[in-house]
N, C-alpha and C. Protein backbone atom coordinates (compact mmCIF):
# COMPACT_ATOMS: atom_id res chain seq x y z
N MET A 1 0.84 -1.18 0.00
CA MET A 1 0.00 0.00 0.00
C MET A 1 0.88 1.24 0.00
N LYS A 2 0.61 2.13 -0.91
CA LYS A 2 1.39 3.35 -1.02
C LYS A 2 0.80 4.43 -0.11
N LEU A 3 1.65 5.04 0.71
CA LEU A 3 1.22 6.11 1.57
C LEU A 3 1.06 7.40 0.76
N LYS A 4 0.10 8.21 1.16
CA LYS A 4 -0.13 9.49 0.50
C LYS A 4 1.07 10.41 0.72
N GLU A 5 1.54 11.02 -0.34
CA GLU A 5 2.67 11.94 -0.23
C GLU A 5 2.22 13.23 0.46
N ARG A 6 2.96 13.60 1.49
CA ARG A 6 2.63 14.83 2.22
C ARG A 6 3.04 16.04 1.39
N LYS A 7 2.19 17.03 1.39
CA LYS A 7 2.44 18.26 0.64
C LYS A 7 3.07 19.29 1.56
N THR A 8 3.76 20.25 0.94
CA THR A 8 4.43 21.32 1.69
C THR A 8 4.01 22.68 1.14
N VAL A 9 4.56 23.71 1.75
CA VAL A 9 4.31 25.07 1.29
C VAL A 9 4.67 25.20 -0.19
N LYS A 10 5.73 24.57 -0.60
CA LYS A 10 6.17 24.65 -2.01
C LYS A 10 5.07 24.12 -2.95
N ASP A 11 4.46 23.01 -2.58
CA ASP A 11 3.36 22.45 -3.39
C ASP A 11 2.16 23.40 -3.39
N TYR A 12 1.88 23.95 -2.23
CA TYR A 12 0.75 24.88 -2.11
C TYR A 12 0.97 26.11 -2.99
N GLU A 13 2.15 26.66 -2.95
CA GLU A 13 2.45 27.87 -3.72
C GLU A 13 2.49 27.62 -5.22
N ALA A 14 2.57 26.35 -5.64
CA ALA A 14 2.55 26.01 -7.06
C ALA A 14 1.13 25.98 -7.63
N LEU A 15 0.13 26.03 -6.75
CA LEU A 15 -1.26 26.06 -7.22
C LEU A 15 -1.54 27.39 -7.91
N PRO A 16 -2.49 27.41 -8.84
CA PRO A 16 -2.85 28.68 -9.47
C PRO A 16 -3.47 29.63 -8.44
N GLU A 17 -3.25 30.92 -8.62
CA GLU A 17 -3.81 31.92 -7.71
C GLU A 17 -5.33 31.77 -7.65
N GLY A 18 -5.85 31.81 -6.43
CA GLY A 18 -7.29 31.69 -6.24
C GLY A 18 -7.80 30.27 -6.17
N ALA A 19 -6.91 29.27 -6.28
CA ALA A 19 -7.35 27.88 -6.16
C ALA A 19 -7.96 27.67 -4.77
N PRO A 20 -9.13 27.02 -4.70
CA PRO A 20 -9.85 26.93 -3.42
C PRO A 20 -9.31 25.83 -2.49
N TYR A 21 -8.05 25.94 -2.13
CA TYR A 21 -7.42 24.93 -1.28
C TYR A 21 -6.74 25.58 -0.08
N GLN A 22 -6.61 24.76 0.97
CA GLN A 22 -5.79 25.10 2.12
C GLN A 22 -4.84 23.92 2.31
N LEU A 23 -3.69 24.18 2.88
CA LEU A 23 -2.74 23.12 3.20
C LEU A 23 -2.91 22.82 4.68
N ILE A 24 -3.48 21.65 4.97
CA ILE A 24 -3.79 21.28 6.35
C ILE A 24 -3.09 19.97 6.68
N ASP A 25 -2.12 20.05 7.57
CA ASP A 25 -1.39 18.87 8.02
C ASP A 25 -0.82 18.08 6.84
N GLY A 26 -0.23 18.81 5.88
CA GLY A 26 0.41 18.17 4.73
C GLY A 26 -0.53 17.66 3.66
N GLU A 27 -1.80 18.05 3.73
CA GLU A 27 -2.79 17.62 2.76
C GLU A 27 -3.45 18.84 2.13
N LEU A 28 -3.59 18.84 0.80
CA LEU A 28 -4.31 19.91 0.12
C LEU A 28 -5.80 19.62 0.26
N VAL A 29 -6.52 20.50 0.94
CA VAL A 29 -7.94 20.32 1.23
C VAL A 29 -8.72 21.39 0.50
N MET A 30 -9.67 20.94 -0.32
CA MET A 30 -10.49 21.88 -1.07
C MET A 30 -11.50 22.54 -0.14
N SER A 31 -11.68 23.84 -0.31
CA SER A 31 -12.64 24.60 0.49
C SER A 31 -13.63 25.27 -0.45
N PRO A 32 -14.82 24.68 -0.62
CA PRO A 32 -15.80 25.30 -1.51
C PRO A 32 -16.26 26.64 -0.97
N ALA A 33 -16.83 27.45 -1.84
CA ALA A 33 -17.34 28.77 -1.42
C ALA A 33 -18.38 28.59 -0.32
N PRO A 34 -18.33 29.45 0.71
CA PRO A 34 -19.30 29.35 1.79
C PRO A 34 -20.69 29.83 1.36
N ASN A 35 -21.70 29.43 2.14
CA ASN A 35 -23.07 29.85 1.81
C ASN A 35 -23.32 31.30 2.25
N PHE A 36 -24.47 31.81 1.89
CA PHE A 36 -24.78 33.21 2.14
C PHE A 36 -24.84 33.53 3.63
N GLN A 37 -25.44 32.65 4.43
CA GLN A 37 -25.54 32.90 5.87
C GLN A 37 -24.14 32.99 6.49
N HIS A 38 -23.23 32.14 6.06
CA HIS A 38 -21.84 32.17 6.52
C HIS A 38 -21.24 33.56 6.26
N GLN A 39 -21.43 34.06 5.05
CA GLN A 39 -20.87 35.35 4.67
C GLN A 39 -21.54 36.50 5.42
N ARG A 40 -22.82 36.38 5.67
CA ARG A 40 -23.54 37.40 6.43
C ARG A 40 -22.97 37.49 7.85
N ILE A 41 -22.75 36.35 8.48
CA ILE A 41 -22.17 36.31 9.83
C ILE A 41 -20.76 36.88 9.81
N LEU A 42 -19.98 36.49 8.81
CA LEU A 42 -18.61 36.99 8.68
C LEU A 42 -18.58 38.51 8.54
N LYS A 43 -19.49 39.05 7.75
CA LYS A 43 -19.58 40.51 7.56
C LYS A 43 -19.84 41.20 8.90
N ARG A 44 -20.78 40.68 9.65
CA ARG A 44 -21.13 41.28 10.94
C ARG A 44 -19.96 41.22 11.91
N LEU A 45 -19.26 40.10 11.92
CA LEU A 45 -18.08 39.98 12.79
C LEU A 45 -16.99 40.96 12.36
N PHE A 46 -16.74 41.01 11.05
CA PHE A 46 -15.71 41.91 10.55
C PHE A 46 -15.97 43.35 10.99
N LEU A 47 -17.21 43.79 10.85
CA LEU A 47 -17.54 45.17 11.22
C LEU A 47 -17.27 45.44 12.70
N LYS A 48 -17.59 44.48 13.56
CA LYS A 48 -17.33 44.64 15.01
C LYS A 48 -15.83 44.68 15.28
N PHE A 49 -15.08 43.75 14.68
CA PHE A 49 -13.64 43.72 14.88
C PHE A 49 -12.99 44.99 14.31
N TYR A 50 -13.44 45.40 13.13
CA TYR A 50 -12.89 46.59 12.49
C TYR A 50 -13.05 47.81 13.41
N GLU A 51 -14.23 47.95 13.98
CA GLU A 51 -14.51 49.09 14.85
C GLU A 51 -13.57 49.10 16.07
N LYS A 52 -13.35 47.96 16.67
CA LYS A 52 -12.56 47.89 17.91
C LYS A 52 -11.06 47.77 17.67
N VAL A 53 -10.64 47.39 16.46
CA VAL A 53 -9.21 47.22 16.19
C VAL A 53 -8.69 48.31 15.26
N GLU A 54 -9.16 48.34 14.02
CA GLU A 54 -8.61 49.29 13.06
C GLU A 54 -9.01 50.73 13.37
N LYS A 55 -10.28 50.97 13.64
CA LYS A 55 -10.71 52.34 13.94
C LYS A 55 -10.04 52.85 15.21
N ALA A 56 -9.71 51.94 16.11
CA ALA A 56 -9.05 52.32 17.37
C ALA A 56 -7.53 52.46 17.18
N GLY A 57 -7.05 52.12 15.98
CA GLY A 57 -5.62 52.25 15.70
C GLY A 57 -4.75 51.21 16.39
N SER A 58 -5.35 50.04 16.69
CA SER A 58 -4.56 49.05 17.42
C SER A 58 -4.18 47.83 16.60
N GLY A 59 -4.41 47.86 15.29
CA GLY A 59 -4.01 46.73 14.46
C GLY A 59 -4.77 46.68 13.16
N GLU A 60 -4.82 45.49 12.57
CA GLU A 60 -5.48 45.31 11.27
C GLU A 60 -6.32 44.05 11.29
N VAL A 61 -7.46 44.11 10.57
CA VAL A 61 -8.39 42.99 10.47
C VAL A 61 -8.59 42.69 8.99
N VAL A 62 -8.46 41.43 8.60
CA VAL A 62 -8.71 41.03 7.22
C VAL A 62 -9.56 39.77 7.21
N PHE A 63 -10.31 39.60 6.11
CA PHE A 63 -11.13 38.41 5.97
C PHE A 63 -10.64 37.58 4.81
N SER A 64 -11.07 36.35 4.79
CA SER A 64 -10.65 35.37 3.79
C SER A 64 -11.06 35.82 2.39
N PRO A 65 -10.29 35.43 1.39
CA PRO A 65 -9.12 34.58 1.47
C PRO A 65 -7.82 35.36 1.68
N VAL A 66 -7.08 34.99 2.69
CA VAL A 66 -5.72 35.46 2.90
C VAL A 66 -4.94 34.26 3.45
N ASP A 67 -3.77 34.02 2.90
CA ASP A 67 -2.97 32.89 3.35
C ASP A 67 -2.28 33.19 4.67
N VAL A 68 -2.39 32.25 5.60
CA VAL A 68 -1.69 32.34 6.88
C VAL A 68 -0.75 31.14 6.94
N TYR A 69 0.56 31.45 6.87
CA TYR A 69 1.61 30.42 6.88
C TYR A 69 2.00 30.13 8.32
N LEU A 70 1.72 28.89 8.77
CA LEU A 70 1.99 28.53 10.15
C LEU A 70 3.20 27.61 10.30
N ASP A 71 3.44 26.76 9.31
CA ASP A 71 4.65 25.93 9.24
C ASP A 71 4.72 25.33 7.84
N GLU A 72 5.64 24.42 7.61
CA GLU A 72 5.87 23.87 6.27
C GLU A 72 4.70 23.05 5.74
N GLU A 73 3.81 22.58 6.62
CA GLU A 73 2.70 21.73 6.18
C GLU A 73 1.34 22.33 6.48
N ASN A 74 1.31 23.61 6.86
CA ASN A 74 0.04 24.22 7.22
C ASN A 74 -0.04 25.67 6.75
N VAL A 75 -0.88 25.89 5.74
CA VAL A 75 -1.19 27.23 5.24
C VAL A 75 -2.72 27.30 5.21
N PHE A 76 -3.28 28.10 6.11
CA PHE A 76 -4.72 28.18 6.25
C PHE A 76 -5.24 29.49 5.68
N GLN A 77 -6.54 29.51 5.43
CA GLN A 77 -7.25 30.73 5.04
C GLN A 77 -8.42 30.91 6.01
N PRO A 78 -8.12 31.42 7.21
CA PRO A 78 -9.19 31.62 8.19
C PRO A 78 -10.22 32.62 7.69
N ASP A 79 -11.41 32.54 8.24
CA ASP A 79 -12.46 33.47 7.83
C ASP A 79 -12.10 34.90 8.19
N LEU A 80 -11.50 35.09 9.36
CA LEU A 80 -11.12 36.43 9.83
C LEU A 80 -9.79 36.32 10.56
N VAL A 81 -8.92 37.29 10.29
CA VAL A 81 -7.59 37.32 10.91
C VAL A 81 -7.38 38.70 11.52
N VAL A 82 -6.89 38.72 12.76
CA VAL A 82 -6.61 39.98 13.44
C VAL A 82 -5.14 40.00 13.83
N LEU A 83 -4.47 41.08 13.42
CA LEU A 83 -3.08 41.31 13.81
C LEU A 83 -3.03 42.62 14.59
N LEU A 84 -2.65 42.52 15.84
CA LEU A 84 -2.52 43.72 16.66
C LEU A 84 -1.18 44.39 16.34
N LYS A 85 -0.98 45.60 16.83
CA LYS A 85 0.19 46.41 16.45
C LYS A 85 1.51 45.65 16.49
N ASP A 86 1.75 44.90 17.56
CA ASP A 86 3.03 44.20 17.70
C ASP A 86 3.21 43.06 16.69
N SER A 87 2.15 42.67 16.01
CA SER A 87 2.22 41.56 15.06
C SER A 87 2.14 41.99 13.61
N LEU A 88 2.04 43.28 13.34
CA LEU A 88 1.88 43.75 11.96
C LEU A 88 3.07 43.39 11.08
N GLY A 89 4.22 43.14 11.66
CA GLY A 89 5.40 42.73 10.90
C GLY A 89 5.25 41.36 10.27
N LYS A 90 4.23 40.60 10.66
CA LYS A 90 3.99 39.28 10.07
C LYS A 90 3.31 39.37 8.71
N ILE A 91 2.85 40.57 8.35
CA ILE A 91 2.20 40.76 7.05
C ILE A 91 3.29 40.86 5.99
N THR A 92 3.19 40.00 4.97
CA THR A 92 4.15 40.00 3.87
C THR A 92 3.38 40.02 2.55
N GLU A 93 4.11 40.03 1.48
CA GLU A 93 3.52 39.99 0.15
C GLU A 93 2.67 38.73 -0.03
N LYS A 94 3.10 37.63 0.60
CA LYS A 94 2.40 36.34 0.47
C LYS A 94 1.14 36.25 1.31
N GLY A 95 1.09 37.00 2.40
CA GLY A 95 -0.04 36.90 3.33
C GLY A 95 0.42 37.21 4.74
N VAL A 96 0.15 36.29 5.65
CA VAL A 96 0.58 36.43 7.03
C VAL A 96 1.53 35.27 7.32
N GLU A 97 2.73 35.60 7.77
CA GLU A 97 3.71 34.56 8.08
C GLU A 97 3.88 34.49 9.59
N GLY A 98 3.28 33.46 10.16
CA GLY A 98 3.28 33.29 11.61
C GLY A 98 1.87 33.41 12.14
N ALA A 99 1.74 33.18 13.43
CA ALA A 99 0.42 33.14 14.06
C ALA A 99 -0.17 34.54 14.21
N PRO A 100 -1.38 34.74 13.70
CA PRO A 100 -2.10 35.99 13.98
C PRO A 100 -2.46 36.04 15.46
N ASP A 101 -2.84 37.20 15.94
CA ASP A 101 -3.27 37.31 17.33
C ASP A 101 -4.63 36.65 17.53
N VAL A 102 -5.55 36.90 16.60
CA VAL A 102 -6.89 36.34 16.69
C VAL A 102 -7.24 35.70 15.35
N VAL A 103 -7.85 34.52 15.43
CA VAL A 103 -8.38 33.84 14.25
C VAL A 103 -9.85 33.53 14.52
N VAL A 104 -10.69 33.78 13.51
CA VAL A 104 -12.11 33.46 13.61
C VAL A 104 -12.44 32.49 12.47
N GLU A 105 -13.09 31.40 12.83
CA GLU A 105 -13.59 30.45 11.85
C GLU A 105 -15.10 30.32 12.02
N VAL A 106 -15.84 30.52 10.92
CA VAL A 106 -17.28 30.30 10.90
C VAL A 106 -17.47 28.91 10.29
N LEU A 107 -18.05 28.01 11.06
CA LEU A 107 -18.16 26.62 10.62
C LEU A 107 -19.08 26.47 9.41
N SER A 108 -18.64 25.62 8.49
CA SER A 108 -19.43 25.20 7.35
C SER A 108 -19.43 23.68 7.37
N PRO A 109 -20.47 23.03 6.83
CA PRO A 109 -20.48 21.57 6.85
C PRO A 109 -19.23 20.93 6.26
N SER A 110 -18.69 21.53 5.20
CA SER A 110 -17.54 20.93 4.53
C SER A 110 -16.21 21.16 5.26
N THR A 111 -16.16 22.11 6.17
CA THR A 111 -14.88 22.43 6.82
C THR A 111 -14.90 22.30 8.34
N ALA A 112 -16.04 21.98 8.93
CA ALA A 112 -16.17 21.97 10.39
C ALA A 112 -15.17 21.04 11.06
N TYR A 113 -14.98 19.85 10.50
CA TYR A 113 -14.03 18.90 11.10
C TYR A 113 -12.64 19.52 11.21
N TYR A 114 -12.18 20.13 10.13
CA TYR A 114 -10.86 20.74 10.14
C TYR A 114 -10.78 21.90 11.12
N ASP A 115 -11.80 22.77 11.11
CA ASP A 115 -11.80 23.94 12.00
C ASP A 115 -11.80 23.53 13.47
N LEU A 116 -12.55 22.49 13.79
CA LEU A 116 -12.70 22.07 15.19
C LEU A 116 -11.58 21.16 15.68
N ARG A 117 -10.91 20.49 14.77
CA ARG A 117 -9.89 19.52 15.17
C ARG A 117 -8.49 19.92 14.69
N LYS A 118 -8.21 19.61 13.44
CA LYS A 118 -6.84 19.78 12.93
C LYS A 118 -6.35 21.22 12.98
N LYS A 119 -7.15 22.14 12.46
CA LYS A 119 -6.72 23.54 12.42
C LYS A 119 -6.62 24.11 13.83
N LYS A 120 -7.57 23.76 14.68
CA LYS A 120 -7.55 24.24 16.06
C LYS A 120 -6.24 23.83 16.75
N GLU A 121 -5.83 22.59 16.54
CA GLU A 121 -4.59 22.10 17.14
C GLU A 121 -3.37 22.85 16.61
N VAL A 122 -3.35 23.11 15.31
CA VAL A 122 -2.22 23.83 14.72
C VAL A 122 -2.21 25.28 15.22
N TYR A 123 -3.36 25.93 15.25
CA TYR A 123 -3.44 27.30 15.78
C TYR A 123 -2.91 27.35 17.21
N GLU A 124 -3.29 26.39 17.99
CA GLU A 124 -2.87 26.32 19.39
C GLU A 124 -1.35 26.22 19.50
N LYS A 125 -0.77 25.28 18.76
CA LYS A 125 0.69 25.07 18.79
C LYS A 125 1.46 26.25 18.20
N ALA A 126 0.87 26.90 17.19
CA ALA A 126 1.55 28.02 16.52
C ALA A 126 1.56 29.28 17.37
N GLY A 127 0.67 29.34 18.37
CA GLY A 127 0.66 30.51 19.26
C GLY A 127 -0.41 31.54 18.98
N VAL A 128 -1.48 31.16 18.25
CA VAL A 128 -2.61 32.07 18.10
C VAL A 128 -3.12 32.38 19.51
N LYS A 129 -3.27 33.66 19.82
CA LYS A 129 -3.64 34.05 21.19
C LYS A 129 -5.12 33.86 21.49
N GLU A 130 -5.96 34.02 20.46
CA GLU A 130 -7.40 33.88 20.67
C GLU A 130 -8.02 33.24 19.43
N TYR A 131 -8.84 32.22 19.65
CA TYR A 131 -9.48 31.49 18.56
C TYR A 131 -10.99 31.52 18.77
N TRP A 132 -11.69 32.08 17.79
CA TRP A 132 -13.14 32.18 17.84
C TRP A 132 -13.73 31.14 16.89
N ILE A 133 -14.69 30.35 17.40
CA ILE A 133 -15.39 29.37 16.58
C ILE A 133 -16.87 29.74 16.60
N VAL A 134 -17.40 29.98 15.40
CA VAL A 134 -18.80 30.37 15.25
C VAL A 134 -19.54 29.21 14.59
N ASP A 135 -20.60 28.74 15.24
CA ASP A 135 -21.40 27.64 14.71
C ASP A 135 -22.79 28.18 14.34
N PRO A 136 -23.01 28.50 13.05
CA PRO A 136 -24.29 29.07 12.62
C PRO A 136 -25.47 28.12 12.86
N GLU A 137 -25.25 26.83 12.67
CA GLU A 137 -26.35 25.87 12.83
C GLU A 137 -26.84 25.81 14.28
N MET A 138 -25.91 25.81 15.22
CA MET A 138 -26.27 25.74 16.64
C MET A 138 -26.46 27.14 17.25
N GLU A 139 -26.17 28.18 16.46
CA GLU A 139 -26.20 29.57 16.94
C GLU A 139 -25.36 29.70 18.21
N GLU A 140 -24.11 29.28 18.06
CA GLU A 140 -23.17 29.24 19.19
C GLU A 140 -21.86 29.92 18.81
N LEU A 141 -21.26 30.58 19.79
CA LEU A 141 -19.98 31.25 19.60
C LEU A 141 -19.10 30.94 20.80
N GLU A 142 -17.90 30.43 20.52
CA GLU A 142 -16.93 30.11 21.57
C GLU A 142 -15.65 30.89 21.32
N VAL A 143 -15.10 31.44 22.38
CA VAL A 143 -13.84 32.17 22.30
C VAL A 143 -12.84 31.44 23.20
N TYR A 144 -11.73 31.01 22.60
CA TYR A 144 -10.67 30.32 23.32
C TYR A 144 -9.46 31.24 23.45
N THR A 145 -8.80 31.19 24.59
CA THR A 145 -7.53 31.90 24.76
C THR A 145 -6.43 30.87 24.90
N ASN A 146 -5.24 31.25 24.45
CA ASN A 146 -4.10 30.36 24.49
C ASN A 146 -3.31 30.64 25.77
N GLU A 147 -3.33 29.68 26.66
CA GLU A 147 -2.62 29.81 27.94
C GLU A 147 -1.57 28.72 28.02
N GLY A 148 -0.32 29.13 27.89
CA GLY A 148 0.79 28.18 27.98
C GLY A 148 0.77 27.12 26.90
N GLY A 149 0.32 27.49 25.70
CA GLY A 149 0.31 26.55 24.58
C GLY A 149 -0.94 25.69 24.49
N SER A 150 -1.94 25.97 25.32
CA SER A 150 -3.20 25.23 25.28
C SER A 150 -4.38 26.19 25.25
N PHE A 151 -5.36 25.86 24.40
CA PHE A 151 -6.56 26.67 24.35
C PHE A 151 -7.47 26.34 25.53
N ARG A 152 -7.99 27.40 26.12
CA ARG A 152 -8.97 27.29 27.21
C ARG A 152 -10.16 28.17 26.83
N ILE A 153 -11.35 27.67 27.12
CA ILE A 153 -12.54 28.46 26.82
C ILE A 153 -12.53 29.72 27.68
N PHE A 154 -12.73 30.86 27.04
CA PHE A 154 -12.75 32.14 27.75
C PHE A 154 -14.17 32.69 27.85
N SER A 155 -14.91 32.58 26.73
CA SER A 155 -16.25 33.13 26.68
C SER A 155 -17.06 32.27 25.72
N LYS A 156 -18.33 32.04 26.08
CA LYS A 156 -19.16 31.16 25.26
C LYS A 156 -20.62 31.53 25.44
N ALA A 157 -21.38 31.47 24.35
CA ALA A 157 -22.82 31.69 24.43
C ALA A 157 -23.50 30.88 23.33
N LYS A 158 -24.73 30.47 23.62
CA LYS A 158 -25.51 29.69 22.66
C LYS A 158 -26.92 30.26 22.61
N LYS A 159 -27.40 30.54 21.41
CA LYS A 159 -28.74 31.07 21.12
C LYS A 159 -28.93 32.51 21.58
N GLU A 160 -28.47 32.86 22.79
CA GLU A 160 -28.62 34.23 23.29
C GLU A 160 -27.44 34.54 24.21
N GLY A 161 -27.34 35.82 24.55
CA GLY A 161 -26.23 36.26 25.39
C GLY A 161 -25.14 36.88 24.54
N LYS A 162 -23.99 37.12 25.16
CA LYS A 162 -22.89 37.72 24.42
C LYS A 162 -21.57 37.10 24.82
N VAL A 163 -20.62 37.26 23.92
CA VAL A 163 -19.25 36.82 24.19
C VAL A 163 -18.35 38.03 24.10
N LYS A 164 -17.17 37.90 24.68
CA LYS A 164 -16.23 39.01 24.62
C LYS A 164 -14.82 38.47 24.38
N SER A 165 -13.98 39.38 23.98
CA SER A 165 -12.58 39.08 23.71
C SER A 165 -11.75 39.34 24.96
N SER A 166 -10.73 38.52 25.15
CA SER A 166 -9.79 38.76 26.23
C SER A 166 -8.68 39.71 25.78
N LEU A 167 -8.48 39.82 24.47
CA LEU A 167 -7.38 40.62 23.90
C LEU A 167 -7.79 42.02 23.46
N ILE A 168 -9.00 42.13 22.94
CA ILE A 168 -9.42 43.38 22.30
C ILE A 168 -10.40 44.10 23.21
N LYS A 169 -9.93 45.20 23.73
CA LYS A 169 -10.71 45.97 24.70
C LYS A 169 -12.06 46.39 24.13
N GLY A 170 -13.11 46.06 24.88
CA GLY A 170 -14.46 46.49 24.52
C GLY A 170 -15.15 45.68 23.45
N LEU A 171 -14.50 44.63 22.94
CA LEU A 171 -15.13 43.84 21.88
C LEU A 171 -16.07 42.81 22.50
N GLU A 172 -17.36 43.01 22.23
CA GLU A 172 -18.40 42.09 22.67
C GLU A 172 -19.33 41.84 21.49
N ILE A 173 -19.77 40.61 21.36
CA ILE A 173 -20.68 40.23 20.28
C ILE A 173 -21.97 39.71 20.91
N GLU A 174 -23.07 40.34 20.57
CA GLU A 174 -24.39 39.90 21.02
C GLU A 174 -24.91 38.88 20.01
N LEU A 175 -25.22 37.67 20.48
CA LEU A 175 -25.61 36.60 19.56
C LEU A 175 -26.86 36.91 18.76
N LYS A 176 -27.84 37.55 19.35
CA LYS A 176 -29.07 37.85 18.59
C LYS A 176 -28.77 38.75 17.40
N ASP A 177 -27.77 39.61 17.51
CA ASP A 177 -27.38 40.46 16.38
C ASP A 177 -26.57 39.70 15.34
N LEU A 178 -25.80 38.72 15.79
CA LEU A 178 -24.94 37.96 14.88
C LEU A 178 -25.72 37.00 14.01
N PHE A 179 -26.72 36.33 14.59
CA PHE A 179 -27.41 35.26 13.89
C PHE A 179 -28.76 35.66 13.29
N LYS A 180 -29.16 36.91 13.44
CA LYS A 180 -30.46 37.31 12.87
C LYS A 180 -30.43 37.17 11.34
N GLU A 181 -31.59 36.89 10.78
CA GLU A 181 -31.67 36.61 9.34
C GLU A 181 -31.56 37.86 8.48
N VAL A 182 -32.22 38.94 8.87
CA VAL A 182 -32.21 40.13 8.03
C VAL A 182 -31.76 41.33 8.86
N LEU A 183 -31.30 42.36 8.18
CA LEU A 183 -30.81 43.55 8.89
C LEU A 183 -31.89 44.37 9.51
């Protein structure tokens, strides 16, 4: 039985620009376009992060697709990436090289396994300081902080209530505003 050949950053960078793949644990994983509800949630999150980070002059917020290079076998395209002032040097022509301060993933049926397992583990080891997981189906939002190389739940809400950031002063997300269907 032939083992699957592990892919590296070099293989990933050989893909055509805009190819819908991420490099996860040495495997090229296709990421289909997200649904409309996913994008609606992402927009609302971006606006909240933008207000508390960029407008406050404390860093930069970008949304997918942007490549985040974490090691030779892991190049992800998180839904939302936050780099605070001290991390802005990680921005390069290629994307972000190294762990962002905050990563947000909005779960989709095709990517939930990776977001909840493999990518979460890599983010943790790479030193992402805060990891947000948004579950549109369950109307749940979890915020993890990295303490000594391990993620610990910091803030969590389901269906109602709000969550907050440990890193970004004043950033709170009210779930009823995040998951509502229309503006």
